[in-house]
Amino acid sequence: MAEKIFSAILAAGGSGTRFGGAVNKVYLPLCGQTVIGVSLDKLLHHPLVAEVIVVYRKEDEAVLMPILAEKGAGSGIPLLAVPGGDTRRDSVKKGLDLASSERVLVHDAARPFWDEAWIGDLAAALDEVPGASVAVLSPDTVKLADERGRVISTTERSRTWLVQTPQAFDRDILLRAHLILPDSEPVTDDCSMLEKLGYPVQLIPGSPKNRKITVPEDLEVSGSCQ
């Protein structure tokens, strides 16, 4: 039997303002359940996951708790929940504070179409480096621009990756990054926190289907329920 080595943090605290509508996008119906429910099923029944920690918006508590009660009933592992902070970074930190495993997964609840096999790939990467992420090579040319939109440079496409989640970390090192980096330090994902402290991060191939649900059209084109 595989050793359960991960505490999985499922980040569901975003406001979803770009998606629109009165309901947080992670609670919308998908594949006969909800967007967040799809990822919960994958995490709660994965052989490498020891516990799942959902970080949520306080105002979503009434809709979330029945989902957690249903999903957690037959999982056999702890399913915890904690209200998030003002930023994604704050929310992940709240999840880290509850994590009991030496390794953690961080996944966005708004990405339901990911492959459970990637968790094994991430675990293997952590044998060599303290941080790893699913990512895809950019199919497009990427240009860096200044605040006026004037091009500064063009990246080498063969080395330009679009980063996704899940991401995996040595818990103590990610926690150290949270404690050391000032709140004013701009970070757009958890891997970038390790990068700023000089730690190596490994990318493993993901899938274009693993897009983040940001606008209503994403629910139609992201993937299937198979």
Protein backbone atom coordinates (compact mmCIF):
# COMPACT_ATOMS: atom_id res chain seq x y z
CA MET A 1 0.00 0.00 0.00
CA ALA A 2 1.30 3.47 -0.92
CA GLU A 3 2.35 5.71 1.95
CA LYS A 4 0.07 8.69 2.48
CA ILE A 5 2.62 11.49 2.36
CA PHE A 6 0.65 14.63 1.42
CA SER A 7 -1.52 17.14 3.20
CA ALA A 8 -3.62 18.58 0.36
CA ILE A 9 -4.68 22.23 0.56
CA LEU A 10 -7.64 22.99 -1.69
CA ALA A 11 -7.84 26.76 -2.22
CA ALA A 12 -11.47 27.81 -2.62
CA GLY A 13 -11.31 31.32 -1.20
CA GLY A 14 -11.36 33.37 -4.40
CA SER A 15 -14.17 35.81 -5.11
CA GLY A 16 -14.65 34.78 -8.74
CA THR A 17 -15.45 38.34 -9.78
CA ARG A 18 -14.39 37.77 -13.40
CA PHE A 19 -16.78 34.83 -13.69
CA GLY A 20 -19.79 36.85 -12.58
CA GLY A 21 -23.02 35.60 -11.07
CA ALA A 22 -24.28 35.39 -7.52
CA VAL A 23 -22.73 31.98 -6.74
CA ASN A 24 -19.02 31.34 -6.24
CA LYS A 25 -17.90 29.45 -9.37
CA VAL A 26 -16.47 26.51 -7.40
CA TYR A 27 -19.99 25.61 -6.23
CA LEU A 28 -21.52 25.57 -9.70
CA PRO A 29 -22.82 22.22 -11.02
CA LEU A 30 -20.33 20.08 -12.91
CA CYS A 31 -20.26 16.38 -13.79
CA GLY A 32 -23.32 15.63 -11.68
CA GLN A 33 -21.95 17.41 -8.61
CA THR A 34 -20.03 20.68 -8.11
CA VAL A 35 -16.76 22.12 -9.39
CA ILE A 36 -15.14 21.80 -5.97
CA GLY A 37 -16.65 18.36 -5.48
CA VAL A 38 -14.75 16.99 -8.48
CA SER A 39 -11.37 17.85 -6.94
CA LEU A 40 -12.46 16.74 -3.48
CA ASP A 41 -13.26 13.27 -4.81
CA LYS A 42 -9.85 13.01 -6.48
CA LEU A 43 -7.96 14.14 -3.38
CA LEU A 44 -9.94 12.23 -0.76
CA HIS A 45 -9.47 8.91 -2.54
CA HIS A 46 -5.87 9.27 -3.70
CA PRO A 47 -3.48 6.76 -2.10
CA LEU A 48 -0.81 9.41 -1.43
CA VAL A 49 -3.10 11.95 0.29
CA ALA A 50 -3.28 11.75 4.11
CA GLU A 51 -5.66 14.66 4.70
CA VAL A 52 -7.47 17.42 2.81
CA ILE A 53 -7.73 21.01 4.05
CA VAL A 54 -10.26 23.25 2.31
CA VAL A 55 -9.62 26.98 2.59
CA TYR A 56 -12.86 28.84 1.88
CA ARG A 57 -14.62 32.18 1.94
CA LYS A 58 -16.56 32.71 5.16
CA GLU A 59 -19.62 33.80 3.19
CA ASP A 60 -19.65 30.43 1.39
CA GLU A 61 -19.79 28.39 4.59
CA ALA A 62 -23.48 27.48 4.32
CA VAL A 63 -23.09 25.96 0.85
CA LEU A 64 -19.71 24.33 1.53
CA MET A 65 -20.41 22.47 4.75
CA PRO A 66 -23.03 20.05 3.33
CA ILE A 67 -20.60 19.19 0.51
CA LEU A 68 -17.83 18.45 3.01
CA ALA A 69 -20.15 16.33 5.13
CA GLU A 70 -21.10 14.23 2.11
CA LYS A 71 -17.59 13.87 0.69
CA GLY A 72 -15.86 13.25 3.99
CA ALA A 73 -18.24 10.56 5.20
CA GLY A 74 -16.72 7.71 3.21
CA SER A 75 -13.20 8.94 2.60
CA GLY A 76 -11.40 7.45 5.59
CA ILE A 77 -9.06 10.43 5.93
CA PRO A 78 -9.42 13.78 7.75
CA LEU A 79 -11.26 16.52 5.87
CA LEU A 80 -10.68 19.92 7.46
CA ALA A 81 -11.90 23.40 6.60
CA VAL A 82 -10.65 26.85 7.55
CA PRO A 83 -11.75 30.35 6.48
CA GLY A 84 -9.22 32.01 4.19
CA GLY A 85 -7.46 35.34 4.44
CA ASP A 86 -7.55 38.55 2.43
CA THR A 87 -5.23 37.19 -0.29
CA ARG A 88 -4.49 33.80 -1.80
CA ARG A 89 -1.13 33.86 -0.04
CA ASP A 90 -2.85 34.44 3.31
CA SER A 91 -5.29 31.61 2.59
CA VAL A 92 -2.59 29.09 1.71
CA LYS A 93 -0.74 30.02 4.89
CA LYS A 94 -3.86 29.19 6.92
CA GLY A 95 -3.93 25.79 5.26
CA LEU A 96 -0.23 25.26 5.94
CA ASP A 97 -0.75 25.97 9.62
CA LEU A 98 -3.15 23.02 9.79
CA ALA A 99 -1.12 20.61 7.65
CA SER A 100 0.36 17.67 9.55
CA SER A 101 2.37 16.00 6.75
CA GLU A 102 5.94 16.81 5.78
CA ARG A 103 4.82 17.35 2.19
CA VAL A 104 1.90 19.46 0.98
CA LEU A 105 -0.10 19.76 -2.19
CA VAL A 106 -1.67 23.09 -3.10
CA HIS A 107 -4.47 23.02 -5.66
CA ASP A 108 -6.96 25.60 -6.91
CA ALA A 109 -10.55 24.43 -6.50
CA ALA A 110 -11.37 26.24 -9.76
CA ARG A 111 -9.26 23.68 -11.69
CA PRO A 112 -11.40 20.53 -11.71
CA PHE A 113 -10.00 18.87 -14.85
CA TRP A 114 -6.65 17.64 -13.55
CA ASP A 115 -5.18 14.16 -13.59
CA GLU A 116 -4.72 12.26 -10.32
CA ALA A 117 -1.59 10.61 -11.78
CA TRP A 118 0.19 13.96 -11.53
CA ILE A 119 0.31 13.60 -7.74
CA GLY A 120 2.68 10.66 -8.13
CA ASP A 121 4.82 12.68 -10.54
CA LEU A 122 4.96 15.57 -8.09
CA ALA A 123 5.92 13.22 -5.25
CA ALA A 124 8.79 11.84 -7.33
CA ALA A 125 9.99 15.38 -8.10
CA LEU A 126 10.07 16.23 -4.38
CA ASP A 127 12.67 13.51 -3.89
CA GLU A 128 15.06 15.85 -5.73
CA VAL A 129 13.79 19.41 -5.14
CA PRO A 130 11.66 21.19 -2.48
CA GLY A 131 9.00 22.42 -4.90
CA ALA A 132 7.28 21.21 -8.06
CA SER A 133 4.36 22.20 -10.25
CA VAL A 134 2.27 20.95 -13.11
CA ALA A 135 2.75 23.14 -16.19
CA VAL A 136 2.41 23.13 -19.97
CA LEU A 137 4.73 24.50 -22.61
CA SER A 138 3.29 27.68 -24.09
CA PRO A 139 1.77 27.07 -27.54
CA ASP A 140 2.04 30.79 -28.27
CA THR A 141 4.83 33.33 -28.46
CA VAL A 142 5.08 35.22 -25.16
CA LYS A 143 6.26 38.83 -25.03
CA LEU A 144 7.22 40.86 -21.97
CA ALA A 145 5.99 44.46 -22.07
CA ASP A 146 6.21 47.62 -20.00
CA GLU A 147 3.27 49.37 -18.36
CA ARG A 148 2.40 51.05 -21.68
CA GLY A 149 2.22 47.75 -23.53
CA ARG A 150 5.51 48.33 -25.35
CA VAL A 151 7.40 45.10 -25.96
CA ILE A 152 10.59 44.68 -23.92
CA SER A 153 11.55 41.18 -25.02
CA THR A 154 10.24 37.92 -26.43
CA THR A 155 10.72 34.72 -24.46
CA GLU A 156 12.12 31.55 -26.00
CA ARG A 157 8.97 29.53 -26.62
CA SER A 158 10.66 26.15 -26.19
CA ARG A 159 11.46 27.14 -22.60
CA THR A 160 8.30 29.11 -21.75
CA TRP A 161 5.85 27.25 -19.52
CA LEU A 162 2.33 28.11 -18.36
CA VAL A 163 2.09 27.13 -14.71
CA GLN A 164 -0.95 25.33 -13.30
CA THR A 165 -1.85 23.46 -10.13
CA PRO A 166 -1.53 21.13 -8.31
CA GLN A 167 1.81 22.18 -6.90
CA ALA A 168 3.78 20.25 -4.28
CA PHE A 169 6.24 21.32 -1.61
CA ASP A 170 8.33 20.40 1.36
CA ARG A 171 6.00 21.87 3.98
CA ASP A 172 8.70 23.42 6.18
CA ILE A 173 10.38 25.17 3.25
CA LEU A 174 7.12 26.62 1.93
CA LEU A 175 6.23 27.75 5.44
CA ARG A 176 9.67 29.35 5.77
CA ALA A 177 9.08 31.25 2.54
CA HIS A 178 5.76 32.55 3.90
CA LEU A 179 7.47 33.73 7.07
CA ILE A 180 10.51 35.32 5.42
CA LEU A 181 9.04 37.09 2.40
CA PRO A 182 7.37 40.41 3.27
CA ASP A 183 3.66 40.78 2.58
CA SER A 184 4.51 43.44 -0.01
CA GLU A 185 6.53 40.96 -2.08
CA PRO A 186 4.56 40.25 -5.27
CA VAL A 187 3.88 36.53 -5.77
CA THR A 188 1.40 34.96 -8.16
CA ASP A 189 1.79 31.32 -7.12
CA ASP A 190 3.40 29.33 -4.34
CA CYS A 191 6.34 28.14 -6.44
CA SER A 192 7.42 31.74 -6.99
CA MET A 193 7.88 32.09 -3.24
CA LEU A 194 10.51 29.35 -3.28
CA GLU A 195 12.12 30.84 -6.38
CA LYS A 196 12.58 34.19 -4.62
CA LEU A 197 14.55 32.42 -1.89
CA GLY A 198 16.74 30.58 -4.40
CA TYR A 199 15.19 27.12 -4.11
CA PRO A 200 14.91 24.99 -7.27
CA VAL A 201 11.44 24.18 -8.58
CA GLN A 202 10.69 21.31 -10.96
CA LEU A 203 8.02 21.52 -13.68
CA ILE A 204 6.20 18.38 -14.79
CA PRO A 205 4.02 18.15 -17.92
CA GLY A 206 0.34 18.85 -17.35
CA SER A 207 -2.44 19.34 -19.88
CA PRO A 208 -4.10 22.26 -21.70
CA LYS A 209 -7.42 20.86 -20.41
CA ASN A 210 -6.35 21.78 -16.89
CA ARG A 211 -7.34 25.40 -17.29
CA LYS A 212 -8.62 27.49 -14.42
CA ILE A 213 -12.31 28.26 -14.63
CA THR A 214 -12.35 32.04 -14.90
CA VAL A 215 -15.24 32.87 -17.25
CA PRO A 216 -18.41 30.84 -18.03
CA GLU A 217 -16.97 29.56 -21.31
CA ASP A 218 -14.25 27.72 -19.39
CA LEU A 219 -16.81 25.29 -18.03
CA GLU A 220 -17.70 24.32 -21.59
CA VAL A 221 -14.20 23.90 -23.04
CA SER A 222 -12.02 22.82 -20.11
CA GLY A 223 -12.63 19.11 -20.40
CA SER A 224 -15.13 16.33 -19.95
CA CYS A 225 -16.52 14.34 -17.05
CA GLN A 226 -14.75 11.16 -18.14
